[in-house]
Amino acid sequence: MYLRGGGQRRFKLRRGFTLAEVLITIGVIGVVAALTMPTLNAAVNKKVRAEQIRTVKYKFTKATEKMATLGLIGPYDSTADFVAVLKKHLKLAKVCDVNNLRDCWPYDTITLQDGKEYEITKLQNGKQFQMKDSETANYSTPNVGIVTADGTPMILSYNTKCEPLDATVKSLTWSTEDNKPVTNASTSCIAAVFEINGSKKPNKQNEDVALFNANGLGSSCAIELDGGKCFTAAFTPTPLTKAECEAQKDDLGIKECYYDNDYWAGAVKQCGGVGNMPTMADLGKIASAIYKGNPTVGAYNDVSNLTYESGTATSLGLPEPSFFLWSGEEYSKRHAYHRNFSPTDTYYTYGLRSISGIQAVCLGD
């Protein structure tokens, strides 16, 4: 509105916010902040952790890259021998042998991805990093703990079959994150675990505990059979071509090759040889373990009228029935033995090695 006085000027009164409107606005802002801040904080923390992990890998790789230029990548007879040379190129505050790993780690146990606690002192060799031995890999020597000069604790396992790098450092391709270098092939002979925030929580795998070239942490055993034999969780194998199969069959224990999409041969490779896959007798014992009453199932027996209780198979790292598992037993160049597990029966057969729907398990620790 306008007020007229004795002069010619006009004055316009502007209406402000009321107290109620201000309080409502503040309340809305507070609610929005309460809803968004945790998400923003989580995103920021994740970004920070990723950068910390990248930095650790980068610094370690710079040291191994220097070793590569000097022809010092390997082979060495043990992880301890490798670390003895590594410490000349990476500043270390402490080195701990396998009997004193806790002295190089800020706490007793790591929380694994499944929520279980795993003792640091159990990380005795590469098997606890779930590394498979093969013609080109042997991680069986005792692990070594280190603490870098900047305070990063690490536990290392070295592949004693590691070959010297033929390529010069200039040809080593760096992996990147956010356009920043992370690592290259000069670290390929090492499997490791490290910690990025000391004794602070959560002390959990894939959060503040990171793996470096390692397949996992802790025992790879998911399925335990009578007598102590155990197998990993089930997985879908990546097939081999016929050429790949032919090139590796002698090392893997495969007799013949035929298909260009050989899933059974792929399972054999991922397990490190037919000897690291279950026999048909083992598959019978696995069948006995998942059905109610633990019925006896022989290697080449079909059993029907079974009762399956939901969740039993998944508790062992297996799918819910129905599913199939390969054995390590080859029938012909086109076929291999496997077993079917359904809700009410289990039977054995031999199937085409080109079938993609059959899963596999490998011999564990």
Protein backbone atom coordinates (compact mmCIF):
# COMPACT_ATOMS: atom_id res chain seq x y z
CA MET A 1 0.00 0.00 0.00
CA TYR A 2 1.01 3.63 -0.35
CA LEU A 3 0.89 6.47 2.19
CA ARG A 4 0.66 10.09 1.18
CA GLY A 5 2.08 12.84 3.28
CA GLY A 6 2.50 16.52 2.73
CA GLY A 7 5.20 15.95 0.12
CA GLN A 8 5.27 14.36 -3.26
CA ARG A 9 7.13 11.14 -2.30
CA ARG A 10 5.46 7.81 -2.09
CA PHE A 11 6.53 5.17 0.43
CA LYS A 12 6.01 1.45 -0.18
CA LEU A 13 5.78 -0.79 2.89
CA ARG A 14 7.34 -4.23 2.29
CA ARG A 15 5.95 -7.14 4.24
CA GLY A 16 8.61 -9.54 5.77
CA PHE A 17 8.38 -13.22 6.79
CA THR A 18 6.46 -14.02 9.91
CA LEU A 19 8.15 -15.90 12.75
CA ALA A 20 6.07 -18.99 11.96
CA GLU A 21 7.23 -18.98 8.34
CA VAL A 22 10.86 -18.63 9.40
CA LEU A 23 10.55 -21.53 11.84
CA ILE A 24 8.86 -23.72 9.23
CA THR A 25 11.63 -22.95 6.73
CA ILE A 26 14.34 -23.75 9.27
CA GLY A 27 12.55 -26.96 10.13
CA VAL A 28 12.37 -28.02 6.50
CA ILE A 29 16.07 -27.27 6.03
CA GLY A 30 16.86 -29.31 9.14
CA VAL A 31 14.86 -32.29 7.94
CA VAL A 32 16.50 -32.20 4.51
CA ALA A 33 19.93 -31.96 6.13
CA ALA A 34 19.17 -34.86 8.46
CA LEU A 35 18.15 -36.98 5.49
CA THR A 36 21.00 -36.07 3.17
CA MET A 37 24.00 -35.57 5.48
CA PRO A 38 24.51 -39.26 6.36
CA THR A 39 24.49 -40.14 2.66
CA LEU A 40 26.88 -37.31 1.86
CA ASN A 41 29.17 -38.27 4.75
CA ALA A 42 29.17 -41.90 3.63
CA ALA A 43 30.04 -40.87 0.08
CA VAL A 44 32.85 -38.62 1.30
CA ASN A 45 34.23 -41.34 3.60
CA LYS A 46 34.13 -43.87 0.77
CA LYS A 47 36.02 -41.47 -1.46
CA VAL A 48 38.62 -40.84 1.23
CA ARG A 49 39.10 -44.58 1.83
CA ALA A 50 39.48 -45.22 -1.90
CA GLU A 51 42.19 -42.57 -2.13
CA GLN A 52 44.00 -43.97 0.92
CA ILE A 53 43.94 -47.46 -0.59
CA ARG A 54 45.13 -46.15 -3.95
CA THR A 55 48.00 -44.32 -2.28
CA VAL A 56 49.22 -47.43 -0.44
CA LYS A 57 49.17 -49.49 -3.64
CA TYR A 58 50.88 -46.71 -5.58
CA LYS A 59 53.75 -46.31 -3.09
CA PHE A 60 54.29 -50.06 -2.91
CA THR A 61 54.27 -50.31 -6.70
CA LYS A 62 56.83 -47.53 -7.07
CA ALA A 63 59.17 -49.66 -4.97
CA THR A 64 58.57 -52.86 -6.95
CA GLU A 65 58.84 -50.93 -10.19
CA LYS A 66 62.30 -49.77 -9.12
CA MET A 67 63.16 -53.38 -8.30
CA ALA A 68 61.97 -54.40 -11.77
CA THR A 69 64.36 -51.95 -13.44
CA LEU A 70 67.19 -53.63 -11.52
CA GLY A 71 66.03 -57.17 -12.30
CA LEU A 72 65.17 -57.81 -8.65
CA ILE A 73 61.54 -58.96 -8.86
CA GLY A 74 62.50 -62.59 -8.52
CA PRO A 75 62.43 -65.43 -8.18
CA TYR A 76 63.23 -65.70 -4.47
CA ASP A 77 63.09 -68.80 -2.29
CA SER A 78 60.69 -67.27 0.24
CA THR A 79 58.64 -64.23 1.16
CA ALA A 80 61.31 -63.34 3.73
CA ASP A 81 63.98 -63.27 1.01
CA PHE A 82 61.81 -60.98 -1.12
CA VAL A 83 61.20 -58.60 1.80
CA ALA A 84 64.94 -58.47 2.53
CA VAL A 85 65.39 -56.86 -0.90
CA LEU A 86 62.14 -54.88 -0.85
CA LYS A 87 63.20 -52.96 2.26
CA LYS A 88 66.10 -51.48 0.30
CA HIS A 89 63.59 -49.79 -2.01
CA LEU A 90 60.59 -49.18 0.29
CA LYS A 91 61.21 -47.50 3.63
CA LEU A 92 60.02 -49.79 6.41
CA ALA A 93 59.60 -49.10 10.11
CA LYS A 94 59.26 -52.76 11.10
CA VAL A 95 59.47 -56.30 9.75
CA CYS A 96 57.75 -59.23 11.52
CA ASP A 97 58.20 -62.93 10.82
CA VAL A 98 55.26 -65.30 10.62
CA ASN A 99 55.40 -66.05 14.35
CA ASN A 100 55.06 -62.37 15.25
CA LEU A 101 52.56 -60.99 12.74
CA ARG A 102 50.53 -59.34 15.50
CA ASP A 103 53.51 -57.03 16.14
CA CYS A 104 53.00 -55.59 12.66
CA TRP A 105 49.20 -55.30 12.88
CA PRO A 106 47.23 -52.89 15.12
CA TYR A 107 44.60 -55.37 16.40
CA ASP A 108 43.89 -59.08 16.84
CA THR A 109 41.07 -59.86 14.41
CA ILE A 110 39.66 -58.69 11.08
CA THR A 111 35.92 -58.78 10.42
CA LEU A 112 35.44 -60.71 7.18
CA GLN A 113 32.74 -59.95 4.61
CA ASP A 114 30.47 -62.62 6.09
CA GLY A 115 30.73 -60.99 9.53
CA LYS A 116 33.02 -63.62 11.02
CA GLU A 117 36.13 -62.62 12.96
CA TYR A 118 39.47 -63.84 11.62
CA GLU A 119 42.65 -63.82 13.68
CA ILE A 120 45.65 -62.08 12.13
CA THR A 121 47.97 -64.78 13.44
CA LYS A 122 46.24 -67.34 11.19
CA LEU A 123 47.60 -65.62 8.06
CA GLN A 124 50.46 -68.10 7.82
CA ASN A 125 50.96 -68.31 4.05
CA GLY A 126 49.28 -67.63 0.71
CA LYS A 127 46.57 -70.22 1.31
CA GLN A 128 44.97 -67.79 3.76
CA PHE A 129 44.88 -65.29 0.89
CA GLN A 130 43.11 -68.06 -1.08
CA MET A 131 45.97 -68.24 -3.58
CA LYS A 132 46.09 -71.48 -5.59
CA ASP A 133 49.35 -73.29 -6.29
CA SER A 134 50.02 -74.23 -9.92
CA GLU A 135 52.83 -74.68 -12.41
CA THR A 136 53.46 -70.93 -12.21
CA ALA A 137 52.41 -70.14 -8.65
CA ASN A 138 53.57 -71.17 -5.19
CA TYR A 139 52.59 -69.03 -2.20
CA SER A 140 53.37 -71.69 0.41
CA THR A 141 56.32 -70.07 2.22
CA PRO A 142 55.63 -68.25 5.51
CA ASN A 143 54.06 -64.80 5.29
CA VAL A 144 55.90 -61.70 6.49
CA GLY A 145 54.45 -58.63 8.19
CA ILE A 146 55.75 -55.13 7.57
CA VAL A 147 54.96 -51.61 8.70
CA THR A 148 55.92 -48.94 6.17
CA ALA A 149 57.66 -45.74 7.19
CA ASP A 150 54.34 -43.85 6.99
CA GLY A 151 52.72 -46.35 9.38
CA THR A 152 50.83 -48.67 7.02
CA PRO A 153 50.69 -52.28 8.28
CA MET A 154 50.86 -54.99 5.61
CA ILE A 155 51.12 -58.78 5.52
CA LEU A 156 52.79 -60.18 2.40
CA SER A 157 52.93 -63.53 0.61
CA TYR A 158 55.39 -64.02 -2.27
CA ASN A 159 55.05 -66.35 -5.26
CA THR A 160 58.33 -68.29 -5.29
CA LYS A 161 57.71 -69.30 -8.92
CA CYS A 162 57.60 -65.67 -9.98
CA GLU A 163 59.56 -64.97 -13.13
CA PRO A 164 61.63 -61.84 -13.75
CA LEU A 165 59.84 -59.23 -15.84
CA ASP A 166 61.19 -59.19 -19.38
CA ALA A 167 59.59 -55.86 -20.19
CA THR A 168 61.19 -52.58 -19.29
CA VAL A 169 59.43 -50.31 -16.83
CA LYS A 170 58.43 -48.00 -19.66
CA SER A 171 56.19 -50.71 -21.08
CA LEU A 172 54.46 -51.54 -17.79
CA THR A 173 50.90 -50.30 -17.98
CA TRP A 174 49.51 -48.64 -14.87
CA SER A 175 45.93 -49.19 -13.79
CA THR A 176 44.17 -45.96 -12.78
CA GLU A 177 41.40 -44.63 -10.57
CA ASP A 178 40.05 -41.12 -11.14
CA ASN A 179 42.88 -40.69 -13.65
CA LYS A 180 45.45 -41.39 -10.92
CA PRO A 181 47.96 -44.28 -11.14
CA VAL A 182 47.34 -47.27 -8.87
CA THR A 183 49.59 -50.24 -9.71
CA ASN A 184 51.24 -52.26 -12.47
CA ALA A 185 52.58 -55.73 -13.22
CA SER A 186 55.67 -55.28 -11.05
CA THR A 187 53.50 -56.22 -8.03
CA SER A 188 52.05 -59.37 -9.59
CA CYS A 189 54.27 -61.71 -7.57
CA ILE A 190 52.85 -60.47 -4.26
CA ALA A 191 49.53 -61.10 -2.52
CA ALA A 192 48.89 -58.87 0.47
CA VAL A 193 46.47 -57.35 2.95
CA PHE A 194 46.87 -53.89 4.48
CA GLU A 195 45.13 -51.48 6.86
CA ILE A 196 44.49 -47.78 6.21
CA ASN A 197 43.40 -46.29 9.55
CA GLY A 198 45.29 -48.09 12.29
CA SER A 199 43.32 -49.43 15.24
CA LYS A 200 40.23 -47.32 14.48
CA LYS A 201 37.04 -49.18 13.64
CA PRO A 202 35.53 -50.86 11.68
CA ASN A 203 38.59 -53.12 11.11
CA LYS A 204 36.60 -54.78 8.32
CA GLN A 205 37.52 -56.35 5.00
CA ASN A 206 36.74 -54.12 2.01
CA GLU A 207 36.37 -51.06 4.24
CA ASP A 208 39.53 -50.11 6.12
CA VAL A 209 41.15 -53.50 5.43
CA ALA A 210 42.13 -53.90 1.77
CA LEU A 211 43.43 -56.79 -0.30
CA PHE A 212 46.21 -56.35 -2.85
CA ASN A 213 46.39 -59.06 -5.56
CA ALA A 214 44.86 -61.54 -3.09
CA ASN A 215 41.83 -63.69 -3.92
CA GLY A 216 40.30 -63.51 -0.47
CA LEU A 217 41.01 -63.56 3.22
CA GLY A 218 40.83 -66.47 5.61
CA SER A 219 40.04 -70.07 4.82
CA SER A 220 38.56 -70.76 1.41
CA CYS A 221 36.66 -73.70 2.88
CA ALA A 222 32.86 -73.40 2.69
CA ILE A 223 31.85 -77.08 2.56
CA GLU A 224 33.43 -79.44 5.10
CA LEU A 225 33.13 -83.20 4.63
CA ASP A 226 33.82 -86.02 7.07
CA GLY A 227 37.54 -86.66 7.23
CA GLY A 228 38.49 -83.00 7.00
CA LYS A 229 38.15 -82.54 3.25
CA CYS A 230 36.63 -79.21 2.32
CA PHE A 231 35.58 -77.24 -0.74
CA THR A 232 35.05 -73.62 -1.68
CA ALA A 233 31.70 -71.98 -2.33
CA ALA A 234 30.13 -72.78 -5.70
CA PHE A 235 30.95 -70.65 -8.73
CA THR A 236 30.13 -70.54 -12.45
CA PRO A 237 33.29 -71.35 -14.40
CA THR A 238 34.69 -69.30 -17.26
CA PRO A 239 35.02 -71.53 -20.34
CA LEU A 240 38.26 -72.34 -22.13
CA THR A 241 38.60 -72.43 -25.89
CA LYS A 242 39.87 -75.63 -27.47
CA ALA A 243 43.24 -73.97 -28.08
CA GLU A 244 43.48 -72.87 -24.44
CA CYS A 245 42.48 -76.34 -23.28
CA GLU A 246 45.08 -78.01 -25.51
CA ALA A 247 47.81 -75.65 -24.29
CA GLN A 248 47.10 -76.32 -20.60
CA LYS A 249 45.68 -79.85 -20.50
CA ASP A 250 48.89 -81.58 -19.40
CA ASP A 251 49.42 -79.19 -16.49
CA LEU A 252 45.76 -79.41 -15.44
CA GLY A 253 45.33 -83.17 -15.82
CA ILE A 254 42.83 -82.94 -18.68
CA LYS A 255 42.97 -85.86 -21.14
CA GLU A 256 41.26 -84.46 -24.23
CA CYS A 257 39.80 -81.20 -25.57
CA TYR A 258 37.03 -80.61 -28.08
CA TYR A 259 34.81 -77.55 -27.49
CA ASP A 260 35.59 -73.88 -28.02
CA ASN A 261 33.42 -73.14 -24.98
CA ASP A 262 34.56 -75.84 -22.54
CA TYR A 263 33.05 -74.92 -19.15
CA TRP A 264 34.29 -78.07 -17.46
CA ALA A 265 37.88 -77.32 -18.54
CA GLY A 266 37.36 -73.77 -17.30
CA ALA A 267 36.35 -75.14 -13.89
CA VAL A 268 39.44 -77.36 -13.86
CA LYS A 269 41.64 -74.35 -14.59
CA GLN A 270 40.04 -72.19 -11.89
CA CYS A 271 40.57 -74.98 -9.37
CA GLY A 272 44.18 -75.50 -10.43
CA GLY A 273 43.79 -79.02 -11.84
CA VAL A 274 41.45 -82.00 -11.76
CA GLY A 275 42.97 -83.04 -8.43
CA ASN A 276 41.57 -79.90 -6.84
CA MET A 277 38.00 -80.70 -7.89
CA PRO A 278 35.58 -83.05 -6.11
CA THR A 279 35.40 -86.71 -7.03
CA MET A 280 32.01 -88.26 -7.66
CA ALA A 281 32.29 -89.76 -4.17
CA ASP A 282 32.79 -86.24 -2.77
CA LEU A 283 29.68 -85.01 -4.58
CA GLY A 284 27.75 -87.89 -3.04
CA LYS A 285 28.87 -86.75 0.42
CA ILE A 286 27.85 -83.17 -0.38
CA ALA A 287 24.42 -84.49 -1.35
CA SER A 288 24.20 -86.35 1.94
CA ALA A 289 25.02 -83.13 3.81
CA ILE A 290 22.22 -81.04 2.31
CA TYR A 291 19.25 -83.42 2.63
CA LYS A 292 17.28 -84.06 5.81
CA GLY A 293 18.52 -87.08 7.74
CA ASN A 294 21.85 -87.11 5.85
CA PRO A 295 21.00 -90.07 3.60
CA THR A 296 23.81 -92.18 2.20
CA VAL A 297 24.55 -91.20 -1.40
CA GLY A 298 27.18 -93.23 -3.23
CA ALA A 299 29.43 -91.93 -5.97
CA TYR A 300 27.29 -93.34 -8.77
CA ASN A 301 23.93 -93.67 -7.01
CA ASP A 302 20.62 -91.99 -7.77
CA VAL A 303 18.51 -91.35 -4.67
CA SER A 304 14.88 -90.16 -4.69
CA ASN A 305 12.12 -89.31 -2.18
CA LEU A 306 14.44 -86.93 -0.34
CA THR A 307 13.47 -84.00 1.86
CA TYR A 308 15.27 -80.69 1.49
CA GLU A 309 14.96 -77.98 4.15
CA SER A 310 15.26 -74.44 2.82
CA GLY A 311 18.53 -72.68 3.60
CA THR A 312 20.63 -75.81 4.17
CA ALA A 313 22.52 -75.51 0.87
CA THR A 314 23.10 -71.77 1.10
CA SER A 315 24.56 -72.19 4.58
CA LEU A 316 27.27 -74.29 2.90
CA GLY A 317 27.98 -71.80 0.12
CA LEU A 318 25.82 -73.67 -2.40
CA PRO A 319 22.79 -72.52 -4.41
CA GLU A 320 19.30 -73.57 -3.41
CA PRO A 321 18.17 -76.70 -5.32
CA SER A 322 17.92 -77.39 -8.14
CA PHE A 323 21.57 -77.05 -9.19
CA PHE A 324 24.39 -79.11 -10.74
CA LEU A 325 28.06 -79.49 -9.74
CA TRP A 326 30.93 -80.69 -11.91
CA SER A 327 33.26 -83.41 -10.68
CA GLY A 328 36.91 -83.60 -11.68
CA GLU A 329 36.21 -86.87 -13.49
CA GLU A 330 36.44 -86.70 -17.28
CA TYR A 331 34.23 -89.06 -19.29
CA SER A 332 35.36 -88.12 -22.79
CA LYS A 333 36.56 -85.15 -24.80
CA ARG A 334 32.93 -83.97 -24.92
CA HIS A 335 31.60 -85.07 -21.53
CA ALA A 336 32.43 -84.98 -17.81
CA TYR A 337 30.64 -86.40 -14.79
CA HIS A 338 28.47 -84.19 -12.61
CA ARG A 339 25.68 -84.50 -10.04
CA ASN A 340 22.22 -82.95 -9.91
CA PHE A 341 20.77 -81.72 -6.62
CA SER A 342 16.99 -81.16 -6.72
CA PRO A 343 14.51 -80.65 -3.84
CA THR A 344 13.40 -84.30 -3.81
CA ASP A 345 16.14 -86.30 -5.53
CA THR A 346 19.79 -86.37 -6.55
CA TYR A 347 21.29 -88.19 -9.48
CA TYR A 348 24.61 -88.51 -11.27
CA THR A 349 25.23 -88.31 -14.99
CA TYR A 350 27.79 -87.14 -17.51
CA GLY A 351 27.03 -83.98 -19.42
CA LEU A 352 28.37 -81.98 -22.30
CA ARG A 353 31.37 -79.92 -21.25
CA SER A 354 29.88 -77.01 -23.22
CA ILE A 355 26.93 -76.63 -20.82
CA SER A 356 27.09 -73.26 -19.07
CA GLY A 357 24.55 -73.99 -16.32
CA ILE A 358 26.70 -76.39 -14.29
CA GLN A 359 28.59 -74.87 -11.37
CA ALA A 360 31.80 -76.01 -9.69
CA VAL A 361 33.55 -76.10 -6.32
CA CYS A 362 37.29 -76.40 -5.66
CA LEU A 363 39.27 -78.12 -2.95
CA GLY A 364 39.80 -75.63 -0.11
CA ASP A 365 42.47 -75.25 2.57
